[in-house]
Amino acid sequence: MYTFLLFFQDGGGSGLIWTLLPFVFIFGIFYFLVILPQKKQRAQLQEMITQLRINDEIVTNGGIIGKIKEVKDTSFIIQSAEKSFLEVGKSAVVGKKAE
């Protein structure tokens, strides 16, 4: 209760500043620990997707592993088994298959 009263002690608008300061601090920490690394990871994934070529092995977000047989504007044709060809969107690719 005493700290709550300290915020409004001087009676001016500075009480509002001291009230909002912890929220600004928390948002700053959240930005640097969560949002910024996610942006960097998303940019790296987009760069990797643009560099994929025929015969690269990829993994989709559904867990399908396949070899790229054709590259289209918004999708890939992949071969996941001997006679199984699938068309997957580029947004479904989560990475290259680990060697």
N, C-alpha and C. Protein backbone atom coordinates (compact mmCIF):
# COMPACT_ATOMS: atom_id res chain seq x y z
N MET A 1 0.84 -1.18 0.00
CA MET A 1 0.00 0.00 0.00
C MET A 1 0.89 1.25 0.00
N TYR A 2 1.98 1.22 0.75
CA TYR A 2 2.86 2.38 0.85
C TYR A 2 3.48 2.71 -0.51
N THR A 3 3.93 1.69 -1.27
CA THR A 3 4.52 1.96 -2.58
C THR A 3 3.48 2.50 -3.55
N PHE A 4 2.24 2.07 -3.43
CA PHE A 4 1.18 2.60 -4.28
C PHE A 4 1.00 4.08 -4.04
N LEU A 5 1.09 4.50 -2.80
CA LEU A 5 0.94 5.92 -2.47
C LEU A 5 2.13 6.74 -2.95
N LEU A 6 3.29 6.14 -3.02
CA LEU A 6 4.48 6.86 -3.49
C LEU A 6 4.34 7.28 -4.95
N PHE A 7 3.62 6.51 -5.76
CA PHE A 7 3.45 6.86 -7.16
C PHE A 7 2.70 8.18 -7.33
N PHE A 8 1.79 8.46 -6.43
CA PHE A 8 0.95 9.64 -6.57
C PHE A 8 1.30 10.74 -5.57
N GLN A 9 2.46 10.65 -4.96
CA GLN A 9 2.83 11.57 -3.90
C GLN A 9 3.04 13.00 -4.40
N ASP A 10 3.72 13.17 -5.55
CA ASP A 10 4.00 14.53 -5.99
C ASP A 10 2.80 15.16 -6.70
N GLY A 11 1.75 14.41 -7.00
CA GLY A 11 0.52 14.98 -7.51
C GLY A 11 0.55 15.37 -8.98
N GLY A 12 1.68 15.35 -9.63
CA GLY A 12 1.77 15.71 -11.04
C GLY A 12 1.58 14.50 -11.94
N GLY A 13 1.95 14.67 -13.17
CA GLY A 13 1.84 13.59 -14.15
C GLY A 13 2.94 12.56 -14.03
N SER A 14 3.92 12.79 -13.17
CA SER A 14 5.02 11.85 -13.05
C SER A 14 4.57 10.53 -12.44
N GLY A 15 3.46 10.50 -11.73
CA GLY A 15 2.94 9.24 -11.19
C GLY A 15 2.59 8.28 -12.30
N LEU A 16 2.08 8.80 -13.38
CA LEU A 16 1.74 7.97 -14.54
C LEU A 16 3.00 7.39 -15.17
N ILE A 17 4.06 8.17 -15.24
CA ILE A 17 5.33 7.70 -15.80
C ILE A 17 5.86 6.54 -14.98
N TRP A 18 5.86 6.69 -13.67
CA TRP A 18 6.37 5.63 -12.80
C TRP A 18 5.47 4.39 -12.85
N THR A 19 4.21 4.57 -13.15
CA THR A 19 3.31 3.44 -13.26
C THR A 19 3.55 2.67 -14.55
N LEU A 20 3.81 3.37 -15.65
CA LEU A 20 4.01 2.73 -16.94
C LEU A 20 5.43 2.22 -17.17
N LEU A 21 6.39 2.72 -16.41
CA LEU A 21 7.78 2.34 -16.60
C LEU A 21 8.03 0.84 -16.50
N PRO A 22 7.46 0.12 -15.53
CA PRO A 22 7.68 -1.34 -15.50
C PRO A 22 7.15 -2.06 -16.75
N PHE A 23 6.02 -1.57 -17.30
CA PHE A 23 5.48 -2.20 -18.50
C PHE A 23 6.38 -1.96 -19.70
N VAL A 24 6.94 -0.79 -19.81
CA VAL A 24 7.88 -0.49 -20.89
C VAL A 24 9.12 -1.36 -20.75
N PHE A 25 9.61 -1.52 -19.53
CA PHE A 25 10.77 -2.35 -19.27
C PHE A 25 10.50 -3.81 -19.63
N ILE A 26 9.33 -4.33 -19.26
CA ILE A 26 8.96 -5.71 -19.56
C ILE A 26 8.84 -5.90 -21.07
N PHE A 27 8.23 -4.94 -21.77
CA PHE A 27 8.11 -5.04 -23.21
C PHE A 27 9.49 -5.04 -23.87
N GLY A 28 10.41 -4.21 -23.38
CA GLY A 28 11.77 -4.18 -23.92
C GLY A 28 12.47 -5.52 -23.77
N ILE A 29 12.35 -6.12 -22.61
CA ILE A 29 12.95 -7.44 -22.38
C ILE A 29 12.31 -8.47 -23.31
N PHE A 30 10.98 -8.45 -23.41
CA PHE A 30 10.25 -9.37 -24.27
C PHE A 30 10.70 -9.21 -25.72
N TYR A 31 10.88 -7.98 -26.17
CA TYR A 31 11.29 -7.72 -27.55
C TYR A 31 12.66 -8.33 -27.83
N PHE A 32 13.63 -8.10 -26.94
CA PHE A 32 14.99 -8.57 -27.19
C PHE A 32 15.16 -10.06 -26.98
N LEU A 33 14.34 -10.67 -26.13
CA LEU A 33 14.50 -12.10 -25.86
C LEU A 33 13.60 -12.99 -26.72
N VAL A 34 12.50 -12.45 -27.26
CA VAL A 34 11.56 -13.28 -28.01
C VAL A 34 11.39 -12.80 -29.44
N ILE A 35 11.00 -11.58 -29.64
CA ILE A 35 10.62 -11.09 -30.97
C ILE A 35 11.83 -10.99 -31.90
N LEU A 36 12.91 -10.38 -31.45
CA LEU A 36 14.09 -10.20 -32.29
C LEU A 36 14.70 -11.53 -32.74
N PRO A 37 14.92 -12.52 -31.85
CA PRO A 37 15.44 -13.81 -32.32
C PRO A 37 14.50 -14.52 -33.30
N GLN A 38 13.17 -14.39 -33.10
CA GLN A 38 12.23 -15.00 -34.03
C GLN A 38 12.31 -14.37 -35.41
N LYS A 39 12.46 -13.05 -35.46
CA LYS A 39 12.62 -12.36 -36.75
C LYS A 39 13.87 -12.85 -37.47
N LYS A 40 14.95 -12.99 -36.72
CA LYS A 40 16.21 -13.44 -37.31
C LYS A 40 16.08 -14.87 -37.83
N GLN A 41 15.43 -15.75 -37.05
CA GLN A 41 15.25 -17.13 -37.47
C GLN A 41 14.35 -17.22 -38.70
N ARG A 42 13.29 -16.42 -38.75
CA ARG A 42 12.39 -16.41 -39.90
C ARG A 42 13.12 -15.93 -41.15
N ALA A 43 13.98 -14.92 -41.02
CA ALA A 43 14.74 -14.42 -42.15
C ALA A 43 15.72 -15.48 -42.67
N GLN A 44 16.36 -16.21 -41.75
CA GLN A 44 17.28 -17.27 -42.14
C GLN A 44 16.55 -18.39 -42.88
N LEU A 45 15.35 -18.74 -42.41
CA LEU A 45 14.57 -19.79 -43.06
C LEU A 45 14.15 -19.35 -44.46
N GLN A 46 13.71 -18.10 -44.61
CA GLN A 46 13.33 -17.59 -45.93
C GLN A 46 14.53 -17.61 -46.88
N GLU A 47 15.69 -17.23 -46.39
CA GLU A 47 16.90 -17.25 -47.21
C GLU A 47 17.24 -18.68 -47.64
N MET A 48 17.11 -19.63 -46.72
CA MET A 48 17.40 -21.02 -47.02
C MET A 48 16.42 -21.56 -48.07
N ILE A 49 15.14 -21.20 -47.96
CA ILE A 49 14.13 -21.66 -48.91
C ILE A 49 14.41 -21.12 -50.31
N THR A 50 14.85 -19.87 -50.40
CA THR A 50 15.14 -19.32 -51.72
C THR A 50 16.36 -19.97 -52.37
N GLN A 51 17.23 -20.56 -51.57
CA GLN A 51 18.44 -21.19 -52.11
C GLN A 51 18.27 -22.68 -52.39
N LEU A 52 17.10 -23.25 -52.11
CA LEU A 52 16.88 -24.67 -52.36
C LEU A 52 16.85 -24.95 -53.86
N ARG A 53 17.45 -26.05 -54.26
CA ARG A 53 17.54 -26.43 -55.66
C ARG A 53 17.10 -27.89 -55.82
N ILE A 54 17.02 -28.34 -57.06
CA ILE A 54 16.67 -29.72 -57.36
C ILE A 54 17.70 -30.66 -56.73
N ASN A 55 17.20 -31.78 -56.20
CA ASN A 55 17.96 -32.84 -55.51
C ASN A 55 18.36 -32.48 -54.08
N ASP A 56 17.95 -31.33 -53.57
CA ASP A 56 18.13 -31.04 -52.15
C ASP A 56 17.08 -31.81 -51.37
N GLU A 57 17.45 -32.36 -50.22
CA GLU A 57 16.49 -33.07 -49.38
C GLU A 57 15.96 -32.11 -48.32
N ILE A 58 14.63 -32.09 -48.18
CA ILE A 58 13.98 -31.16 -47.26
C ILE A 58 13.09 -31.90 -46.27
N VAL A 59 12.72 -31.19 -45.22
CA VAL A 59 11.77 -31.67 -44.23
C VAL A 59 10.64 -30.66 -44.17
N THR A 60 9.39 -31.15 -44.17
CA THR A 60 8.24 -30.25 -44.08
C THR A 60 7.75 -30.18 -42.64
N ASN A 61 6.85 -29.24 -42.39
CA ASN A 61 6.33 -29.11 -41.03
C ASN A 61 5.41 -30.28 -40.66
N GLY A 62 5.02 -31.09 -41.62
CA GLY A 62 4.25 -32.30 -41.34
C GLY A 62 5.13 -33.52 -41.12
N GLY A 63 6.43 -33.35 -41.21
CA GLY A 63 7.36 -34.43 -40.97
C GLY A 63 7.72 -35.22 -42.22
N ILE A 64 7.29 -34.78 -43.38
CA ILE A 64 7.60 -35.47 -44.63
C ILE A 64 9.01 -35.10 -45.06
N ILE A 65 9.78 -36.13 -45.38
CA ILE A 65 11.15 -35.93 -45.87
C ILE A 65 11.16 -36.34 -47.34
N GLY A 66 11.70 -35.47 -48.17
CA GLY A 66 11.73 -35.79 -49.59
C GLY A 66 12.80 -35.03 -50.33
N LYS A 67 13.02 -35.46 -51.56
CA LYS A 67 14.02 -34.84 -52.43
C LYS A 67 13.29 -33.98 -53.45
N ILE A 68 13.75 -32.75 -53.62
CA ILE A 68 13.12 -31.82 -54.55
C ILE A 68 13.36 -32.30 -55.98
N LYS A 69 12.27 -32.39 -56.74
CA LYS A 69 12.37 -32.79 -58.15
C LYS A 69 12.03 -31.65 -59.09
N GLU A 70 11.24 -30.68 -58.60
CA GLU A 70 10.89 -29.52 -59.43
C GLU A 70 10.62 -28.33 -58.52
N VAL A 71 11.06 -27.16 -58.94
CA VAL A 71 10.85 -25.93 -58.18
C VAL A 71 9.84 -25.07 -58.92
N LYS A 72 8.77 -24.69 -58.24
CA LYS A 72 7.76 -23.80 -58.82
C LYS A 72 7.80 -22.47 -58.07
N ASP A 73 6.93 -21.55 -58.46
CA ASP A 73 6.93 -20.23 -57.82
C ASP A 73 6.62 -20.30 -56.32
N THR A 74 5.57 -21.03 -55.95
CA THR A 74 5.15 -21.06 -54.55
C THR A 74 5.20 -22.46 -53.95
N SER A 75 5.72 -23.43 -54.69
CA SER A 75 5.75 -24.80 -54.17
C SER A 75 6.91 -25.59 -54.75
N PHE A 76 7.08 -26.78 -54.18
CA PHE A 76 8.08 -27.74 -54.66
C PHE A 76 7.36 -29.04 -54.99
N ILE A 77 7.83 -29.76 -55.99
CA ILE A 77 7.42 -31.14 -56.23
C ILE A 77 8.54 -31.98 -55.62
N ILE A 78 8.18 -32.81 -54.64
CA ILE A 78 9.20 -33.62 -53.97
C ILE A 78 8.88 -35.09 -54.16
N GLN A 79 9.92 -35.90 -54.11
CA GLN A 79 9.77 -37.35 -54.16
C GLN A 79 10.06 -37.86 -52.76
N SER A 80 9.02 -38.46 -52.14
CA SER A 80 9.20 -38.91 -50.76
C SER A 80 9.43 -40.40 -50.67
N ALA A 81 9.08 -41.13 -51.70
CA ALA A 81 9.36 -42.57 -51.78
C ALA A 81 9.69 -42.88 -53.23
N GLU A 82 9.84 -44.14 -53.54
CA GLU A 82 10.28 -44.51 -54.88
C GLU A 82 9.36 -43.97 -55.98
N LYS A 83 8.03 -44.09 -55.80
CA LYS A 83 7.08 -43.63 -56.82
C LYS A 83 6.12 -42.58 -56.28
N SER A 84 6.43 -42.00 -55.16
CA SER A 84 5.53 -41.05 -54.52
C SER A 84 6.02 -39.62 -54.72
N PHE A 85 5.24 -38.85 -55.46
CA PHE A 85 5.57 -37.45 -55.69
C PHE A 85 4.51 -36.58 -55.02
N LEU A 86 4.93 -35.57 -54.31
CA LEU A 86 4.04 -34.66 -53.60
C LEU A 86 4.36 -33.23 -53.98
N GLU A 87 3.33 -32.41 -53.99
CA GLU A 87 3.55 -30.98 -54.17
C GLU A 87 3.34 -30.32 -52.80
N VAL A 88 4.37 -29.66 -52.30
CA VAL A 88 4.27 -29.00 -50.99
C VAL A 88 4.56 -27.51 -51.18
N GLY A 89 3.86 -26.70 -50.42
CA GLY A 89 4.09 -25.27 -50.47
C GLY A 89 5.44 -24.91 -49.86
N LYS A 90 6.01 -23.85 -50.35
CA LYS A 90 7.30 -23.41 -49.81
C LYS A 90 7.18 -23.03 -48.33
N SER A 91 6.00 -22.59 -47.93
CA SER A 91 5.80 -22.22 -46.53
C SER A 91 5.78 -23.44 -45.61
N ALA A 92 5.62 -24.65 -46.17
CA ALA A 92 5.60 -25.86 -45.36
C ALA A 92 7.00 -26.38 -45.06
N VAL A 93 8.00 -25.87 -45.73
CA VAL A 93 9.38 -26.33 -45.53
C VAL A 93 9.93 -25.74 -44.25
N VAL A 94 10.48 -26.62 -43.39
CA VAL A 94 11.07 -26.15 -42.14
C VAL A 94 12.58 -26.26 -42.13
N GLY A 95 13.15 -26.97 -43.11
CA GLY A 95 14.60 -27.05 -43.15
C GLY A 95 15.09 -28.10 -44.11
N LYS A 96 16.40 -28.16 -44.23
CA LYS A 96 17.05 -29.20 -45.02
C LYS A 96 17.23 -30.42 -44.13
N LYS A 97 17.24 -31.58 -44.77
CA LYS A 97 17.45 -32.82 -44.02
C LYS A 97 18.90 -32.86 -43.54
N ALA A 98 19.07 -33.22 -42.28
CA ALA A 98 20.41 -33.33 -41.72
C ALA A 98 21.11 -34.53 -42.32
N GLU A 99 22.32 -34.35 -42.71
CA GLU A 99 23.09 -35.43 -43.36
C GLU A 99 23.51 -36.47 -42.36
